[in-house]
Amino acid sequence: MMVSIIHRITGDGMALVGTLLLVWWLAALASGPASYETFQWLFGTWIHGVLGYIIGVGLTFSLFQHIASGIRHLVMDTGAGYELKTNRTMAWMTLVGSSTATILFWAYLLGGK
């Protein structure tokens, strides 16, 4: 039940936060150097980019969680995975898998290249 709720929250979060961030970035680009510099300062240099990292990691986790949960739902749509133990295992796997994928992705981005 909780993974299903998280699936909805991550989908809505990506749609809302991701879209607003993209529109803000495009508006800052279109508004000129001063606006874009403010956007860059807020997400890139303010407290060493902490806000940008928080939003970036959050959106990345949302993407991986939404994908993993979507695959789980796809498997369940085929009629498999309804046994209680299997269902709980698959639910935990979505959380563990998405967390692991997020950590590996950001480790690669921040220096593992």
N, C-alpha and C. Protein backbone atom coordinates (compact mmCIF):
# COMPACT_ATOMS: atom_id res chain seq x y z
N MET A 1 0.81 -1.19 0.00
CA MET A 1 0.00 0.00 0.00
C MET A 1 0.87 1.26 0.00
N MET A 2 1.89 1.27 0.87
CA MET A 2 2.74 2.45 0.96
C MET A 2 3.52 2.69 -0.33
N VAL A 3 3.98 1.63 -0.97
CA VAL A 3 4.74 1.79 -2.22
C VAL A 3 3.84 2.36 -3.31
N SER A 4 2.58 1.98 -3.30
CA SER A 4 1.63 2.52 -4.27
C SER A 4 1.43 4.02 -4.04
N ILE A 5 1.36 4.42 -2.79
CA ILE A 5 1.22 5.84 -2.46
C ILE A 5 2.49 6.60 -2.86
N ILE A 6 3.66 6.01 -2.57
CA ILE A 6 4.93 6.63 -2.96
C ILE A 6 5.02 6.76 -4.47
N HIS A 7 4.50 5.77 -5.20
CA HIS A 7 4.48 5.81 -6.66
C HIS A 7 3.70 7.04 -7.15
N ARG A 8 2.57 7.29 -6.54
CA ARG A 8 1.77 8.46 -6.92
C ARG A 8 2.46 9.76 -6.54
N ILE A 9 3.04 9.79 -5.35
CA ILE A 9 3.72 11.01 -4.89
C ILE A 9 4.92 11.32 -5.77
N THR A 10 5.72 10.31 -6.13
CA THR A 10 6.89 10.56 -6.97
C THR A 10 6.48 11.02 -8.37
N GLY A 11 5.41 10.44 -8.90
CA GLY A 11 4.93 10.88 -10.21
C GLY A 11 4.47 12.32 -10.18
N ASP A 12 3.69 12.67 -9.17
CA ASP A 12 3.22 14.05 -9.04
C ASP A 12 4.38 15.00 -8.75
N GLY A 13 5.31 14.56 -7.92
CA GLY A 13 6.47 15.39 -7.60
C GLY A 13 7.32 15.69 -8.81
N MET A 14 7.57 14.67 -9.62
CA MET A 14 8.35 14.91 -10.84
C MET A 14 7.61 15.85 -11.78
N ALA A 15 6.31 15.66 -11.91
CA ALA A 15 5.53 16.50 -12.80
C ALA A 15 5.51 17.95 -12.31
N LEU A 16 5.27 18.13 -11.04
CA LEU A 16 5.15 19.49 -10.50
C LEU A 16 6.51 20.18 -10.37
N VAL A 17 7.40 19.58 -9.60
CA VAL A 17 8.71 20.20 -9.34
C VAL A 17 9.55 20.26 -10.61
N GLY A 18 9.58 19.16 -11.34
CA GLY A 18 10.37 19.13 -12.57
C GLY A 18 9.90 20.15 -13.60
N THR A 19 8.59 20.26 -13.77
CA THR A 19 8.06 21.22 -14.73
C THR A 19 8.31 22.65 -14.30
N LEU A 20 8.05 22.94 -13.01
CA LEU A 20 8.30 24.30 -12.53
C LEU A 20 9.78 24.68 -12.64
N LEU A 21 10.65 23.75 -12.32
CA LEU A 21 12.08 24.03 -12.41
C LEU A 21 12.50 24.25 -13.87
N LEU A 22 11.99 23.43 -14.78
CA LEU A 22 12.31 23.60 -16.19
C LEU A 22 11.80 24.94 -16.72
N VAL A 23 10.58 25.30 -16.37
CA VAL A 23 10.02 26.57 -16.83
C VAL A 23 10.79 27.74 -16.24
N TRP A 24 11.16 27.64 -14.96
CA TRP A 24 11.94 28.71 -14.33
C TRP A 24 13.30 28.85 -15.03
N TRP A 25 13.94 27.72 -15.31
CA TRP A 25 15.23 27.75 -15.99
C TRP A 25 15.12 28.38 -17.38
N LEU A 26 14.10 27.98 -18.14
CA LEU A 26 13.90 28.54 -19.47
C LEU A 26 13.57 30.03 -19.41
N ALA A 27 12.76 30.43 -18.44
CA ALA A 27 12.43 31.85 -18.28
C ALA A 27 13.67 32.65 -17.89
N ALA A 28 14.52 32.07 -17.05
CA ALA A 28 15.76 32.75 -16.67
C ALA A 28 16.69 32.90 -17.88
N LEU A 29 16.73 31.87 -18.72
CA LEU A 29 17.54 31.96 -19.94
C LEU A 29 17.02 33.05 -20.87
N ALA A 30 15.71 33.11 -21.01
CA ALA A 30 15.10 34.07 -21.92
C ALA A 30 15.14 35.50 -21.38
N SER A 31 15.23 35.66 -20.07
CA SER A 31 15.18 36.99 -19.46
C SER A 31 16.51 37.72 -19.47
N GLY A 32 17.58 37.03 -19.78
CA GLY A 32 18.87 37.69 -19.86
C GLY A 32 19.87 37.18 -18.85
N PRO A 33 21.09 37.71 -18.96
CA PRO A 33 22.19 37.22 -18.11
C PRO A 33 21.96 37.41 -16.61
N ALA A 34 21.34 38.51 -16.21
CA ALA A 34 21.14 38.75 -14.77
C ALA A 34 20.20 37.71 -14.17
N SER A 35 19.11 37.41 -14.86
CA SER A 35 18.16 36.41 -14.36
C SER A 35 18.78 35.03 -14.32
N TYR A 36 19.53 34.69 -15.37
CA TYR A 36 20.15 33.37 -15.40
C TYR A 36 21.22 33.25 -14.33
N GLU A 37 21.93 34.35 -14.07
CA GLU A 37 22.96 34.35 -13.03
C GLU A 37 22.32 34.13 -11.65
N THR A 38 21.16 34.73 -11.42
CA THR A 38 20.44 34.52 -10.17
C THR A 38 20.02 33.06 -10.03
N PHE A 39 19.50 32.49 -11.11
CA PHE A 39 19.10 31.08 -11.10
C PHE A 39 20.30 30.19 -10.81
N GLN A 40 21.41 30.47 -11.48
CA GLN A 40 22.63 29.68 -11.26
C GLN A 40 23.15 29.83 -9.84
N TRP A 41 23.08 31.04 -9.31
CA TRP A 41 23.56 31.27 -7.94
C TRP A 41 22.71 30.46 -6.96
N LEU A 42 21.40 30.48 -7.16
CA LEU A 42 20.50 29.80 -6.24
C LEU A 42 20.70 28.29 -6.27
N PHE A 43 20.89 27.71 -7.45
CA PHE A 43 20.99 26.26 -7.56
C PHE A 43 22.41 25.74 -7.71
N GLY A 44 23.36 26.61 -7.96
CA GLY A 44 24.71 26.12 -8.19
C GLY A 44 25.73 26.53 -7.17
N THR A 45 25.61 27.75 -6.63
CA THR A 45 26.66 28.21 -5.74
C THR A 45 26.17 28.54 -4.34
N TRP A 46 24.88 28.74 -4.15
CA TRP A 46 24.36 29.08 -2.83
C TRP A 46 24.61 27.92 -1.89
N ILE A 47 25.36 28.16 -0.84
CA ILE A 47 25.79 27.13 0.12
C ILE A 47 26.35 25.93 -0.65
N HIS A 48 27.21 26.23 -1.59
CA HIS A 48 27.87 25.21 -2.42
C HIS A 48 26.86 24.34 -3.18
N GLY A 49 25.77 24.92 -3.60
CA GLY A 49 24.80 24.20 -4.41
C GLY A 49 23.93 23.21 -3.66
N VAL A 50 23.77 23.39 -2.35
CA VAL A 50 23.01 22.44 -1.55
C VAL A 50 21.57 22.33 -2.06
N LEU A 51 20.96 23.47 -2.35
CA LEU A 51 19.57 23.45 -2.84
C LEU A 51 19.47 22.68 -4.16
N GLY A 52 20.41 22.91 -5.05
CA GLY A 52 20.43 22.18 -6.32
C GLY A 52 20.61 20.69 -6.13
N TYR A 53 21.48 20.32 -5.20
CA TYR A 53 21.70 18.89 -4.91
C TYR A 53 20.46 18.24 -4.29
N ILE A 54 19.83 18.95 -3.37
CA ILE A 54 18.63 18.40 -2.74
C ILE A 54 17.54 18.16 -3.78
N ILE A 55 17.31 19.14 -4.62
CA ILE A 55 16.29 18.98 -5.66
C ILE A 55 16.71 17.93 -6.68
N GLY A 56 17.98 17.94 -7.06
CA GLY A 56 18.48 16.96 -8.02
C GLY A 56 18.38 15.53 -7.52
N VAL A 57 18.81 15.31 -6.29
CA VAL A 57 18.73 13.96 -5.71
C VAL A 57 17.27 13.56 -5.53
N GLY A 58 16.45 14.49 -5.10
CA GLY A 58 15.02 14.19 -4.93
C GLY A 58 14.35 13.81 -6.24
N LEU A 59 14.64 14.56 -7.30
CA LEU A 59 14.06 14.23 -8.60
C LEU A 59 14.61 12.92 -9.15
N THR A 60 15.89 12.66 -8.91
CA THR A 60 16.49 11.41 -9.37
C THR A 60 15.88 10.22 -8.64
N PHE A 61 15.75 10.33 -7.32
CA PHE A 61 15.12 9.26 -6.56
C PHE A 61 13.67 9.06 -7.02
N SER A 62 12.97 10.16 -7.25
CA SER A 62 11.59 10.06 -7.73
C SER A 62 11.51 9.32 -9.05
N LEU A 63 12.43 9.62 -9.95
CA LEU A 63 12.44 8.95 -11.25
C LEU A 63 12.68 7.45 -11.09
N PHE A 64 13.72 7.08 -10.35
CA PHE A 64 14.04 5.66 -10.18
C PHE A 64 12.94 4.92 -9.42
N GLN A 65 12.37 5.57 -8.39
CA GLN A 65 11.30 4.95 -7.63
C GLN A 65 10.06 4.76 -8.50
N HIS A 66 9.73 5.76 -9.29
CA HIS A 66 8.56 5.68 -10.15
C HIS A 66 8.73 4.58 -11.21
N ILE A 67 9.93 4.48 -11.77
CA ILE A 67 10.20 3.42 -12.74
C ILE A 67 10.10 2.05 -12.09
N ALA A 68 10.75 1.87 -10.94
CA ALA A 68 10.73 0.57 -10.26
C ALA A 68 9.31 0.18 -9.86
N SER A 69 8.57 1.12 -9.35
CA SER A 69 7.20 0.83 -8.95
C SER A 69 6.32 0.56 -10.16
N GLY A 70 6.57 1.26 -11.25
CA GLY A 70 5.83 1.00 -12.49
C GLY A 70 6.09 -0.40 -13.02
N ILE A 71 7.34 -0.85 -12.93
CA ILE A 71 7.67 -2.21 -13.35
C ILE A 71 6.97 -3.21 -12.42
N ARG A 72 6.94 -2.92 -11.13
CA ARG A 72 6.24 -3.79 -10.18
C ARG A 72 4.76 -3.89 -10.54
N HIS A 73 4.15 -2.76 -10.85
CA HIS A 73 2.73 -2.77 -11.23
C HIS A 73 2.52 -3.51 -12.55
N LEU A 74 3.46 -3.39 -13.46
CA LEU A 74 3.37 -4.11 -14.74
C LEU A 74 3.39 -5.61 -14.50
N VAL A 75 4.29 -6.07 -13.62
CA VAL A 75 4.36 -7.49 -13.28
C VAL A 75 3.05 -7.93 -12.63
N MET A 76 2.52 -7.11 -11.76
CA MET A 76 1.26 -7.47 -11.10
C MET A 76 0.09 -7.47 -12.09
N ASP A 77 0.15 -6.63 -13.11
CA ASP A 77 -0.90 -6.63 -14.14
C ASP A 77 -0.94 -7.93 -14.93
N THR A 78 0.17 -8.65 -14.95
CA THR A 78 0.19 -9.94 -15.64
C THR A 78 -0.41 -11.05 -14.78
N GLY A 79 -0.74 -10.72 -13.54
CA GLY A 79 -1.33 -11.70 -12.63
C GLY A 79 -0.32 -12.32 -11.69
N ALA A 80 0.91 -11.93 -11.75
CA ALA A 80 1.95 -12.48 -10.89
C ALA A 80 2.18 -11.55 -9.70
N GLY A 81 2.70 -12.11 -8.63
CA GLY A 81 3.14 -11.31 -7.50
C GLY A 81 2.05 -10.91 -6.53
N TYR A 82 0.93 -11.58 -6.53
CA TYR A 82 -0.14 -11.24 -5.61
C TYR A 82 -0.04 -11.97 -4.27
N GLU A 83 0.83 -12.98 -4.20
CA GLU A 83 1.03 -13.65 -2.93
C GLU A 83 1.62 -12.64 -1.95
N LEU A 84 1.20 -12.70 -0.71
CA LEU A 84 1.57 -11.68 0.27
C LEU A 84 3.09 -11.54 0.41
N LYS A 85 3.79 -12.65 0.54
CA LYS A 85 5.25 -12.59 0.71
C LYS A 85 5.93 -12.03 -0.53
N THR A 86 5.50 -12.47 -1.71
CA THR A 86 6.07 -11.98 -2.96
C THR A 86 5.78 -10.49 -3.14
N ASN A 87 4.57 -10.09 -2.81
CA ASN A 87 4.17 -8.69 -2.96
C ASN A 87 5.00 -7.80 -2.05
N ARG A 88 5.18 -8.21 -0.80
CA ARG A 88 6.00 -7.43 0.14
C ARG A 88 7.46 -7.37 -0.31
N THR A 89 7.97 -8.48 -0.80
CA THR A 89 9.35 -8.52 -1.28
C THR A 89 9.53 -7.57 -2.46
N MET A 90 8.59 -7.61 -3.40
CA MET A 90 8.69 -6.71 -4.56
C MET A 90 8.57 -5.25 -4.13
N ALA A 91 7.73 -4.96 -3.14
CA ALA A 91 7.59 -3.59 -2.64
C ALA A 91 8.90 -3.10 -2.03
N TRP A 92 9.53 -3.94 -1.21
CA TRP A 92 10.82 -3.56 -0.62
C TRP A 92 11.90 -3.43 -1.69
N MET A 93 11.83 -4.29 -2.71
CA MET A 93 12.83 -4.23 -3.80
C MET A 93 12.74 -2.90 -4.55
N THR A 94 11.54 -2.35 -4.69
CA THR A 94 11.43 -1.05 -5.38
C THR A 94 12.12 0.04 -4.58
N LEU A 95 11.96 0.00 -3.25
CA LEU A 95 12.61 1.01 -2.41
C LEU A 95 14.13 0.84 -2.37
N VAL A 96 14.57 -0.39 -2.20
CA VAL A 96 16.01 -0.67 -2.15
C VAL A 96 16.64 -0.38 -3.52
N GLY A 97 15.99 -0.84 -4.58
CA GLY A 97 16.54 -0.63 -5.93
C GLY A 97 16.62 0.83 -6.31
N SER A 98 15.57 1.59 -6.01
CA SER A 98 15.60 3.00 -6.37
C SER A 98 16.60 3.78 -5.54
N SER A 99 16.73 3.44 -4.27
CA SER A 99 17.74 4.09 -3.42
C SER A 99 19.15 3.77 -3.91
N THR A 100 19.39 2.50 -4.24
CA THR A 100 20.70 2.09 -4.75
C THR A 100 21.01 2.76 -6.08
N ALA A 101 20.04 2.80 -6.97
CA ALA A 101 20.25 3.44 -8.28
C ALA A 101 20.54 4.93 -8.11
N THR A 102 19.86 5.58 -7.19
CA THR A 102 20.10 7.01 -6.95
C THR A 102 21.51 7.23 -6.41
N ILE A 103 21.92 6.43 -5.46
CA ILE A 103 23.27 6.57 -4.89
C ILE A 103 24.33 6.32 -5.95
N LEU A 104 24.17 5.27 -6.74
CA LEU A 104 25.15 4.97 -7.79
C LEU A 104 25.19 6.07 -8.85
N PHE A 105 24.03 6.58 -9.23
CA PHE A 105 23.96 7.65 -10.23
C PHE A 105 24.69 8.90 -9.75
N TRP A 106 24.42 9.32 -8.50
CA TRP A 106 25.08 10.52 -7.99
C TRP A 106 26.55 10.29 -7.69
N ALA A 107 26.92 9.08 -7.32
CA ALA A 107 28.35 8.79 -7.13
C ALA A 107 29.08 8.90 -8.45
N TYR A 108 28.44 8.43 -9.52
CA TYR A 108 29.03 8.55 -10.85
C TYR A 108 29.14 10.02 -11.25
N LEU A 109 28.08 10.79 -11.04
CA LEU A 109 28.10 12.20 -11.42
C LEU A 109 29.12 13.02 -10.65
N LEU A 110 29.29 12.72 -9.38
CA LEU A 110 30.15 13.55 -8.53
C LEU A 110 31.60 13.13 -8.51
N GLY A 111 31.96 12.12 -9.24
CA GLY A 111 33.37 11.82 -9.26
C GLY A 111 33.77 10.45 -9.71
N GLY A 112 32.82 9.59 -9.91
CA GLY A 112 33.16 8.24 -10.30
C GLY A 112 33.39 8.05 -11.80
N LYS A 113 33.35 9.14 -12.54
CA LYS A 113 33.50 9.05 -14.00
C LYS A 113 34.81 8.39 -14.32
